[in-house]
Amino acid sequence: MSHLAAEGIQAAGTGGAVVARGLNVVRGKVPVLSSLDFAIPAGQITGLLGPSGSGKTTLMRAIVGVQLVSSGTVDVLSLAAGSPALRHQVGYVTQSPSVYPDLTVEANVRYFGAMHRKRKTDVDEAIAAVGLEQQARRKTADLSGGQLSRVSLACALVARPRLLVLDEPTVGLDPVLRADLWSRFRSMAEDGITLLISSHVMEEASHCQSLLLLREGRLLAQLTPEELSRRGHSNDLEKAFLTIIRESENNDGGSLGGRDAAAGAATDRSGR
């Protein structure tokens, strides 16, 4: 296990690293998330998949504790989401790179590391983890879009989080960069970090060990890529997802439940 992940990595109990029960988010009387129940396994990559506008970013914001929840609960690492004790345990990388363009890569990571009282060795390791050693002394304003995304990731990694939440980190990247980034995500999971990664590209589901499928703020299913392929009757995961959507619409407009993650067993949900 690398030094980056070794500090404080533990399973978050039998329920999972993140557990949601009856989660609802309403904005201006419009439901954004409706009655979500799931658990995210510790030390694995969980994909949060669904079309644009399905509620993925809102759910991630609820998990990191910056989204007002209308009802229900979200527990993260056995604590209520947003608890002060989680500030050094949860990393969040938004869609837009959160870096200072007039600072170098190293200075950006050092700045965020200082918030967690990290040393230079921690900064160097975070930069190495995303493959930016050669760019460490370059200003981020001079980097490509893919490199900027990696700087944001390094800024999150320097805290050595137990849970890393990434909102569409591969959007806009070329196939080579996407493949390299997913390889690094797998290495982090092997070191014990729990990753929640959102995407609207169904082909990326194959890189995950567990999937949460969202549509219109409802959980269609929680399952593995293999289960998605089997239940959707196709090796093409996008076609399989569309089949599940059609099945849910045929169930009186209800959402097709996958696995009852909180209980760790497979169940079906209907009703809308």
C-alpha atoms as a PDB file:
ATOM      1  CA  MET A   1       0.000   0.000   0.000  1.00  0.00           C
ATOM      2  CA  SER A   2       1.364   3.428  -0.924  1.00  0.00           C
ATOM      3  CA  HIS A   3       2.075   6.070   1.720  1.00  0.00           C
ATOM      4  CA  LEU A   4      -0.576   8.216   0.029  1.00  0.00           C
ATOM      5  CA  ALA A   5      -3.364   5.795   0.958  1.00  0.00           C
ATOM      6  CA  ALA A   6      -1.989   4.065   4.026  1.00  0.00           C
ATOM      7  CA  GLU A   7      -2.939   6.757   6.527  1.00  0.00           C
ATOM      8  CA  GLY A   8      -6.321   6.140   8.118  1.00  0.00           C
ATOM      9  CA  ILE A   9      -7.784   3.810   5.453  1.00  0.00           C
ATOM     10  CA  GLN A  10     -10.399   1.628   7.123  1.00  0.00           C
ATOM     11  CA  ALA A  11     -13.706   0.100   6.125  1.00  0.00           C
ATOM     12  CA  ALA A  12     -16.618   2.295   7.094  1.00  0.00           C
ATOM     13  CA  GLY A  13     -18.509  -0.524   8.760  1.00  0.00           C
ATOM     14  CA  THR A  14     -20.679  -3.164   7.148  1.00  0.00           C
ATOM     15  CA  GLY A  15     -23.115  -0.613   5.755  1.00  0.00           C
ATOM     16  CA  GLY A  16     -20.640   0.969   3.347  1.00  0.00           C
ATOM     17  CA  ALA A  17     -18.510   4.079   3.039  1.00  0.00           C
ATOM     18  CA  VAL A  18     -21.612   6.115   2.116  1.00  0.00           C
ATOM     19  CA  VAL A  19     -25.157   5.169   3.108  1.00  0.00           C
ATOM     20  CA  ALA A  20     -28.260   7.099   2.014  1.00  0.00           C
ATOM     21  CA  ARG A  21     -31.718   6.441   3.409  1.00  0.00           C
ATOM     22  CA  GLY A  22     -34.826   8.099   2.000  1.00  0.00           C
ATOM     23  CA  LEU A  23     -32.766  10.951   0.566  1.00  0.00           C
ATOM     24  CA  ASN A  24     -34.815  13.787  -0.937  1.00  0.00           C
ATOM     25  CA  VAL A  25     -33.659  17.131  -2.326  1.00  0.00           C
ATOM     26  CA  VAL A  26     -36.207  19.729  -3.435  1.00  0.00           C
ATOM     27  CA  ARG A  27     -35.414  23.086  -5.038  1.00  0.00           C
ATOM     28  CA  GLY A  28     -38.168  25.628  -5.487  1.00  0.00           C
ATOM     29  CA  LYS A  29     -40.817  22.934  -4.929  1.00  0.00           C
ATOM     30  CA  VAL A  30     -39.277  20.865  -7.741  1.00  0.00           C
ATOM     31  CA  PRO A  31     -37.931  17.414  -6.672  1.00  0.00           C
ATOM     32  CA  VAL A  32     -34.304  16.979  -7.718  1.00  0.00           C
ATOM     33  CA  LEU A  33     -33.583  13.731  -5.849  1.00  0.00           C
ATOM     34  CA  SER A  34     -36.422  11.439  -4.779  1.00  0.00           C
ATOM     35  CA  SER A  35     -36.327   8.737  -2.089  1.00  0.00           C
ATOM     36  CA  LEU A  36     -32.812   7.450  -2.716  1.00  0.00           C
ATOM     37  CA  ASP A  37     -31.630   4.410  -0.748  1.00  0.00           C
ATOM     38  CA  PHE A  38     -28.171   2.988  -1.412  1.00  0.00           C
ATOM     39  CA  ALA A  39     -24.780   2.139   0.076  1.00  0.00           C
ATOM     40  CA  ILE A  40     -21.406   2.678  -1.574  1.00  0.00           C
ATOM     41  CA  PRO A  41     -18.895  -0.106  -0.795  1.00  0.00           C
ATOM     42  CA  ALA A  42     -15.645   0.926   0.872  1.00  0.00           C
ATOM     43  CA  GLY A  43     -12.405   0.570  -1.072  1.00  0.00           C
ATOM     44  CA  GLN A  44     -14.054   0.277  -4.483  1.00  0.00           C
ATOM     45  CA  ILE A  45     -14.854   2.413  -7.523  1.00  0.00           C
ATOM     46  CA  THR A  46     -18.554   3.197  -7.726  1.00  0.00           C
ATOM     47  CA  GLY A  47     -19.811   4.815 -10.898  1.00  0.00           C
ATOM     48  CA  LEU A  48     -22.639   7.343 -10.696  1.00  0.00           C
ATOM     49  CA  LEU A  49     -24.149   7.190 -14.167  1.00  0.00           C
ATOM     50  CA  GLY A  50     -27.029   8.878 -15.875  1.00  0.00           C
ATOM     51  CA  PRO A  51     -27.898  11.473 -18.514  1.00  0.00           C
ATOM     52  CA  SER A  52     -27.275  15.173 -17.963  1.00  0.00           C
ATOM     53  CA  GLY A  53     -29.851  16.600 -15.556  1.00  0.00           C
ATOM     54  CA  SER A  54     -30.445  13.309 -13.750  1.00  0.00           C
ATOM     55  CA  GLY A  55     -29.230  14.679 -10.392  1.00  0.00           C
ATOM     56  CA  LYS A  56     -25.675  13.338 -10.289  1.00  0.00           C
ATOM     57  CA  THR A  57     -23.996  16.570  -9.197  1.00  0.00           C
ATOM     58  CA  THR A  58     -26.706  17.278  -6.620  1.00  0.00           C
ATOM     59  CA  LEU A  59     -26.202  13.826  -5.116  1.00  0.00           C
ATOM     60  CA  MET A  60     -22.444  14.302  -4.941  1.00  0.00           C
ATOM     61  CA  ARG A  61     -22.917  17.682  -3.266  1.00  0.00           C
ATOM     62  CA  ALA A  62     -25.208  16.036  -0.706  1.00  0.00           C
ATOM     63  CA  ILE A  63     -22.541  13.411   0.003  1.00  0.00           C
ATOM     64  CA  VAL A  64     -19.797  15.974   0.593  1.00  0.00           C
ATOM     65  CA  GLY A  65     -22.149  18.014   2.775  1.00  0.00           C
ATOM     66  CA  VAL A  66     -22.618  21.188   0.704  1.00  0.00           C
ATOM     67  CA  GLN A  67     -26.178  20.491  -0.485  1.00  0.00           C
ATOM     68  CA  LEU A  68     -29.243  21.207   1.648  1.00  0.00           C
ATOM     69  CA  VAL A  69     -31.179  17.955   2.064  1.00  0.00           C
ATOM     70  CA  SER A  70     -34.972  18.205   2.273  1.00  0.00           C
ATOM     71  CA  SER A  71     -35.446  14.885   4.082  1.00  0.00           C
ATOM     72  CA  GLY A  72     -33.714  11.577   4.661  1.00  0.00           C
ATOM     73  CA  THR A  73     -30.114  10.991   5.722  1.00  0.00           C
ATOM     74  CA  VAL A  74     -26.655  10.592   4.213  1.00  0.00           C
ATOM     75  CA  ASP A  75     -23.944   9.004   6.345  1.00  0.00           C
ATOM     76  CA  VAL A  76     -20.317   9.236   5.205  1.00  0.00           C
ATOM     77  CA  LEU A  77     -17.673   7.104   6.894  1.00  0.00           C
ATOM     78  CA  SER A  78     -20.201   6.464   9.680  1.00  0.00           C
ATOM     79  CA  LEU A  79     -20.801  10.196  10.273  1.00  0.00           C
ATOM     80  CA  ALA A  80     -23.496  12.567   9.025  1.00  0.00           C
ATOM     81  CA  ALA A  81     -22.506  14.136   5.700  1.00  0.00           C
ATOM     82  CA  GLY A  82     -20.917  17.534   6.249  1.00  0.00           C
ATOM     83  CA  SER A  83     -19.681  16.747   9.761  1.00  0.00           C
ATOM     84  CA  PRO A  84     -16.566  18.787  10.662  1.00  0.00           C
ATOM     85  CA  ALA A  85     -14.672  15.551  11.344  1.00  0.00           C
ATOM     86  CA  LEU A  86     -14.991  14.641   7.661  1.00  0.00           C
ATOM     87  CA  ARG A  87     -13.155  17.713   6.361  1.00  0.00           C
ATOM     88  CA  HIS A  88      -9.848  15.855   6.245  1.00  0.00           C
ATOM     89  CA  GLN A  89     -11.402  12.546   5.180  1.00  0.00           C
ATOM     90  CA  VAL A  90     -13.339  13.464   2.026  1.00  0.00           C
ATOM     91  CA  GLY A  91     -11.933  14.842  -1.224  1.00  0.00           C
ATOM     92  CA  TYR A  92     -14.167  16.489  -3.833  1.00  0.00           C
ATOM     93  CA  VAL A  93     -13.149  17.310  -7.393  1.00  0.00           C
ATOM     94  CA  THR A  94     -15.691  19.388  -9.309  1.00  0.00           C
ATOM     95  CA  GLN A  95     -16.192  19.452 -13.083  1.00  0.00           C
ATOM     96  CA  SER A  96     -14.325  22.761 -13.438  1.00  0.00           C
ATOM     97  CA  PRO A  97     -10.657  22.671 -12.355  1.00  0.00           C
ATOM     98  CA  SER A  98     -10.292  24.378  -8.966  1.00  0.00           C
ATOM     99  CA  VAL A  99      -6.767  25.737  -9.276  1.00  0.00           C
ATOM    100  CA  TYR A 100      -4.985  29.090  -9.324  1.00  0.00           C
ATOM    101  CA  PRO A 101      -3.710  29.766 -12.876  1.00  0.00           C
ATOM    102  CA  ASP A 102      -0.914  32.119 -11.759  1.00  0.00           C
ATOM    103  CA  LEU A 103       0.624  29.473  -9.483  1.00  0.00           C
ATOM    104  CA  THR A 104       2.694  26.453 -10.449  1.00  0.00           C
ATOM    105  CA  VAL A 105       1.400  22.925 -10.120  1.00  0.00           C
ATOM    106  CA  GLU A 106       3.541  22.425  -7.024  1.00  0.00           C
ATOM    107  CA  ALA A 107       2.399  25.698  -5.448  1.00  0.00           C
ATOM    108  CA  ASN A 108      -1.264  24.824  -6.000  1.00  0.00           C
ATOM    109  CA  VAL A 109      -0.905  21.417  -4.384  1.00  0.00           C
ATOM    110  CA  ARG A 110       1.232  22.862  -1.583  1.00  0.00           C
ATOM    111  CA  TYR A 111      -1.452  25.482  -0.866  1.00  0.00           C
ATOM    112  CA  PHE A 112      -4.197  22.873  -0.516  1.00  0.00           C
ATOM    113  CA  GLY A 113      -1.873  20.590   1.417  1.00  0.00           C
ATOM    114  CA  ALA A 114      -1.206  23.354   3.944  1.00  0.00           C
ATOM    115  CA  MET A 115      -4.894  23.307   4.863  1.00  0.00           C
ATOM    116  CA  HIS A 116      -4.360  19.731   6.041  1.00  0.00           C
ATOM    117  CA  ARG A 117      -0.896  20.361   7.540  1.00  0.00           C
ATOM    118  CA  LYS A 118       0.805  18.209   4.929  1.00  0.00           C
ATOM    119  CA  ARG A 119       4.524  18.240   4.226  1.00  0.00           C
ATOM    120  CA  LYS A 120       6.512  18.625   1.017  1.00  0.00           C
ATOM    121  CA  THR A 121       6.835  14.862   0.721  1.00  0.00           C
ATOM    122  CA  ASP A 122       3.035  14.632   0.733  1.00  0.00           C
ATOM    123  CA  VAL A 123       2.839  17.277  -2.007  1.00  0.00           C
ATOM    124  CA  ASP A 124       5.432  15.476  -4.133  1.00  0.00           C
ATOM    125  CA  GLU A 125       3.609  12.179  -3.740  1.00  0.00           C
ATOM    126  CA  ALA A 126       0.242  13.665  -4.745  1.00  0.00           C
ATOM    127  CA  ILE A 127       1.790  15.181  -7.873  1.00  0.00           C
ATOM    128  CA  ALA A 128       3.453  11.879  -8.733  1.00  0.00           C
ATOM    129  CA  ALA A 129       0.174  10.019  -8.221  1.00  0.00           C
ATOM    130  CA  VAL A 130      -1.377  11.942 -11.130  1.00  0.00           C
ATOM    131  CA  GLY A 131       1.713  11.785 -13.333  1.00  0.00           C
ATOM    132  CA  LEU A 132       2.640  15.480 -13.319  1.00  0.00           C
ATOM    133  CA  GLU A 133       6.210  15.332 -12.000  1.00  0.00           C
ATOM    134  CA  GLN A 134       7.578  16.872 -15.195  1.00  0.00           C
ATOM    135  CA  GLN A 135       5.087  19.763 -15.012  1.00  0.00           C
ATOM    136  CA  ALA A 136       5.464  20.464 -11.271  1.00  0.00           C
ATOM    137  CA  ARG A 137       7.172  23.828 -11.769  1.00  0.00           C
ATOM    138  CA  ARG A 138       4.998  25.036 -14.634  1.00  0.00           C
ATOM    139  CA  LYS A 139       2.195  27.525 -14.089  1.00  0.00           C
ATOM    140  CA  THR A 140      -1.197  25.910 -14.409  1.00  0.00           C
ATOM    141  CA  ALA A 141      -2.218  28.601 -16.918  1.00  0.00           C
ATOM    142  CA  ASP A 142       0.218  26.983 -19.356  1.00  0.00           C
ATOM    143  CA  LEU A 143      -1.200  23.465 -19.010  1.00  0.00           C
ATOM    144  CA  SER A 144      -3.664  21.597 -21.189  1.00  0.00           C
ATOM    145  CA  GLY A 145      -7.234  20.910 -20.077  1.00  0.00           C
ATOM    146  CA  GLY A 146      -6.408  17.317 -19.206  1.00  0.00           C
ATOM    147  CA  GLN A 147      -3.410  18.386 -17.134  1.00  0.00           C
ATOM    148  CA  LEU A 148      -5.538  20.952 -15.291  1.00  0.00           C
ATOM    149  CA  SER A 149      -7.930  18.173 -14.305  1.00  0.00           C
ATOM    150  CA  ARG A 150      -4.989  16.236 -12.912  1.00  0.00           C
ATOM    151  CA  VAL A 151      -3.827  19.236 -10.877  1.00  0.00           C
ATOM    152  CA  SER A 152      -7.292  19.438  -9.299  1.00  0.00           C
ATOM    153  CA  LEU A 153      -7.081  15.739  -8.520  1.00  0.00           C
ATOM    154  CA  ALA A 154      -3.652  16.164  -6.922  1.00  0.00           C
ATOM    155  CA  CYS A 155      -5.015  19.024  -4.785  1.00  0.00           C
ATOM    156  CA  ALA A 156      -7.669  16.629  -3.472  1.00  0.00           C
ATOM    157  CA  LEU A 157      -5.275  13.713  -3.038  1.00  0.00           C
ATOM    158  CA  VAL A 158      -2.741  15.622  -0.956  1.00  0.00           C
ATOM    159  CA  ALA A 159      -5.129  15.423   2.017  1.00  0.00           C
ATOM    160  CA  ARG A 160      -5.069  11.596   1.706  1.00  0.00           C
ATOM    161  CA  PRO A 161      -8.864  11.276   1.763  1.00  0.00           C
ATOM    162  CA  ARG A 162     -10.608   8.032   2.610  1.00  0.00           C
ATOM    163  CA  LEU A 163     -13.400   8.976   0.196  1.00  0.00           C
ATOM    164  CA  LEU A 164     -12.743  10.697  -3.142  1.00  0.00           C
ATOM    165  CA  VAL A 165     -15.729  12.155  -5.011  1.00  0.00           C
ATOM    166  CA  LEU A 166     -15.139  13.131  -8.642  1.00  0.00           C
ATOM    167  CA  ASP A 167     -17.715  14.901 -10.802  1.00  0.00           C
ATOM    168  CA  GLU A 168     -17.177  13.862 -14.449  1.00  0.00           C
ATOM    169  CA  PRO A 169     -13.344  13.963 -14.240  1.00  0.00           C
ATOM    170  CA  THR A 170     -12.841  12.559 -17.756  1.00  0.00           C
ATOM    171  CA  VAL A 171     -15.156  14.920 -19.666  1.00  0.00           C
ATOM    172  CA  GLY A 172     -13.397  16.483 -22.644  1.00  0.00           C
ATOM    173  CA  LEU A 173     -10.324  14.257 -22.378  1.00  0.00           C
ATOM    174  CA  ASP A 174      -8.952  12.270 -25.302  1.00  0.00           C
ATOM    175  CA  PRO A 175      -9.123   8.437 -25.126  1.00  0.00           C
ATOM    176  CA  VAL A 176      -5.474   8.049 -24.099  1.00  0.00           C
ATOM    177  CA  LEU A 177      -5.799  10.464 -21.177  1.00  0.00           C
ATOM    178  CA  ARG A 178      -9.096   8.862 -20.088  1.00  0.00           C
ATOM    179  CA  ALA A 179      -7.518   5.400 -20.068  1.00  0.00           C
ATOM    180  CA  ASP A 180      -4.549   6.638 -18.043  1.00  0.00           C
ATOM    181  CA  LEU A 181      -6.785   8.392 -15.517  1.00  0.00           C
ATOM    182  CA  TRP A 182      -8.942   5.301 -15.019  1.00  0.00           C
ATOM    183  CA  SER A 183      -5.767   3.265 -14.465  1.00  0.00           C
ATOM    184  CA  ARG A 184      -4.787   5.672 -11.697  1.00  0.00           C
ATOM    185  CA  PHE A 185      -8.268   5.435 -10.187  1.00  0.00           C
ATOM    186  CA  ARG A 186      -7.918   1.637 -10.043  1.00  0.00           C
ATOM    187  CA  SER A 187      -4.594   1.987  -8.251  1.00  0.00           C
ATOM    188  CA  MET A 188      -6.198   4.278  -5.666  1.00  0.00           C
ATOM    189  CA  ALA A 189      -9.003   1.781  -5.052  1.00  0.00           C
ATOM    190  CA  GLU A 190      -6.453  -1.011  -4.664  1.00  0.00           C
ATOM    191  CA  ASP A 191      -4.802   1.122  -1.970  1.00  0.00           C
ATOM    192  CA  GLY A 192      -8.120   1.269  -0.100  1.00  0.00           C
ATOM    193  CA  ILE A 193      -9.531   4.635  -1.172  1.00  0.00           C
ATOM    194  CA  THR A 194     -13.271   4.677  -1.886  1.00  0.00           C
ATOM    195  CA  LEU A 195     -14.043   6.466  -5.157  1.00  0.00           C
ATOM    196  CA  LEU A 196     -17.380   7.794  -6.386  1.00  0.00           C
ATOM    197  CA  ILE A 197     -17.066   8.900 -10.015  1.00  0.00           C
ATOM    198  CA  SER A 198     -19.872  10.438 -12.038  1.00  0.00           C
ATOM    199  CA  SER A 199     -20.207  10.195 -15.803  1.00  0.00           C
ATOM    200  CA  HIS A 200     -22.844  10.433 -18.501  1.00  0.00           C
ATOM    201  CA  VAL A 201     -20.771   8.150 -20.772  1.00  0.00           C
ATOM    202  CA  MET A 202     -22.032   4.608 -20.287  1.00  0.00           C
ATOM    203  CA  GLU A 203     -18.893   2.986 -21.680  1.00  0.00           C
ATOM    204  CA  GLU A 204     -17.073   4.139 -18.539  1.00  0.00           C
ATOM    205  CA  ALA A 205     -19.307   1.869 -16.458  1.00  0.00           C
ATOM    206  CA  SER A 206     -17.040  -1.060 -17.311  1.00  0.00           C
ATOM    207  CA  HIS A 207     -14.240   0.514 -15.255  1.00  0.00           C
ATOM    208  CA  CYS A 208     -16.325   0.465 -12.062  1.00  0.00           C
ATOM    209  CA  GLN A 209     -17.006  -2.295  -9.561  1.00  0.00           C
ATOM    210  CA  SER A 210     -20.430  -0.976  -8.589  1.00  0.00           C
ATOM    211  CA  LEU A 211     -22.885   1.290 -10.404  1.00  0.00           C
ATOM    212  CA  LEU A 212     -25.608   3.696  -9.342  1.00  0.00           C
ATOM    213  CA  LEU A 213     -27.923   4.438 -12.270  1.00  0.00           C
ATOM    214  CA  LEU A 214     -29.866   7.707 -11.975  1.00  0.00           C
ATOM    215  CA  ARG A 215     -32.606   9.125 -14.139  1.00  0.00           C
ATOM    216  CA  GLU A 216     -34.738  12.165 -13.349  1.00  0.00           C
ATOM    217  CA  GLY A 217     -33.540  12.146  -9.746  1.00  0.00           C
ATOM    218  CA  ARG A 218     -34.519   8.536  -9.088  1.00  0.00           C
ATOM    219  CA  LEU A 219     -32.357   5.477  -8.552  1.00  0.00           C
ATOM    220  CA  LEU A 220     -33.091   3.050 -11.360  1.00  0.00           C
ATOM    221  CA  ALA A 221     -30.673   0.420 -10.110  1.00  0.00           C
ATOM    222  CA  GLN A 222     -27.561  -0.341  -8.109  1.00  0.00           C
ATOM    223  CA  LEU A 223     -25.644  -3.229  -9.615  1.00  0.00           C
ATOM    224  CA  THR A 224     -22.341  -4.335 -11.119  1.00  0.00           C
ATOM    225  CA  PRO A 225     -21.439  -3.854 -14.800  1.00  0.00           C
ATOM    226  CA  GLU A 226     -21.967  -7.583 -15.304  1.00  0.00           C
ATOM    227  CA  GLU A 227     -25.424  -7.393 -13.749  1.00  0.00           C
ATOM    228  CA  LEU A 228     -26.243  -4.377 -15.913  1.00  0.00           C
ATOM    229  CA  SER A 229     -25.291  -6.311 -19.028  1.00  0.00           C
ATOM    230  CA  ARG A 230     -27.321  -9.339 -17.939  1.00  0.00           C
ATOM    231  CA  ARG A 231     -30.412  -7.426 -16.864  1.00  0.00           C
ATOM    232  CA  GLY A 232     -30.271  -5.190 -19.916  1.00  0.00           C
ATOM    233  CA  HIS A 233     -29.765  -8.180 -22.237  1.00  0.00           C
ATOM    234  CA  SER A 234     -26.792  -6.605 -23.997  1.00  0.00           C
ATOM    235  CA  ASN A 235     -23.009  -6.431 -23.753  1.00  0.00           C
ATOM    236  CA  ASP A 236     -23.354  -2.820 -24.903  1.00  0.00           C
ATOM    237  CA  LEU A 237     -23.829  -1.085 -21.544  1.00  0.00           C
ATOM    238  CA  GLU A 238     -25.550   1.912 -23.091  1.00  0.00           C
ATOM    239  CA  LYS A 239     -28.133  -0.340 -24.721  1.00  0.00           C
ATOM    240  CA  ALA A 240     -28.493  -2.251 -21.464  1.00  0.00           C
ATOM    241  CA  PHE A 241     -29.126   1.015 -19.586  1.00  0.00           C
ATOM    242  CA  LEU A 242     -31.784   2.030 -22.121  1.00  0.00           C
ATOM    243  CA  THR A 243     -33.487  -1.340 -21.636  1.00  0.00           C
ATOM    244  CA  ILE A 244     -33.644  -0.777 -17.880  1.00  0.00           C
ATOM    245  CA  ILE A 245     -35.101   2.687 -18.484  1.00  0.00           C
ATOM    246  CA  ARG A 246     -37.812   1.218 -20.710  1.00  0.00           C
ATOM    247  CA  GLU A 247     -38.582  -1.448 -18.112  1.00  0.00           C
ATOM    248  CA  SER A 248     -38.942   1.197 -15.416  1.00  0.00           C
ATOM    249  CA  GLU A 249     -41.303   3.209 -17.602  1.00  0.00           C
ATOM    250  CA  ASN A 250     -43.390   0.117 -18.251  1.00  0.00           C
ATOM    251  CA  ASN A 251     -43.778  -0.450 -14.502  1.00  0.00           C
ATOM    252  CA  ASP A 252     -46.445   2.254 -14.282  1.00  0.00           C
ATOM    253  CA  GLY A 253     -43.749   4.910 -14.649  1.00  0.00           C
ATOM    254  CA  GLY A 254     -41.896   3.615 -11.618  1.00  0.00           C
ATOM    255  CA  SER A 255     -38.165   3.359 -11.088  1.00  0.00           C
ATOM    256  CA  LEU A 256     -36.640  -0.077 -11.351  1.00  0.00           C
ATOM    257  CA  GLY A 257     -34.704  -0.748  -8.194  1.00  0.00           C
ATOM    258  CA  GLY A 258     -31.481  -2.640  -8.296  1.00  0.00           C
ATOM    259  CA  ARG A 259     -29.812  -3.807  -5.144  1.00  0.00           C
ATOM    260  CA  ASP A 260     -31.071  -2.681  -1.757  1.00  0.00           C
ATOM    261  CA  ALA A 261     -27.613  -1.456  -0.872  1.00  0.00           C
ATOM    262  CA  ALA A 262     -28.399  -0.526   2.704  1.00  0.00           C
ATOM    263  CA  ALA A 263     -29.298  -4.142   3.388  1.00  0.00           C
ATOM    264  CA  GLY A 264     -26.779  -5.565   0.946  1.00  0.00           C
ATOM    265  CA  ALA A 265     -29.369  -7.601  -0.918  1.00  0.00           C
ATOM    266  CA  ALA A 266     -30.973  -7.405  -4.350  1.00  0.00           C
ATOM    267  CA  THR A 267     -34.462  -5.984  -4.452  1.00  0.00           C
ATOM    268  CA  ASP A 268     -36.790  -4.436  -7.014  1.00  0.00           C
ATOM    269  CA  ARG A 269     -38.517  -1.088  -6.461  1.00  0.00           C
ATOM    270  CA  SER A 270     -41.569   0.169  -8.279  1.00  0.00           C
ATOM    271  CA  GLY A 271     -43.841   3.176  -7.850  1.00  0.00           C
ATOM    272  CA  ARG A 272     -43.132   6.751  -8.691  1.00  0.00           C
END
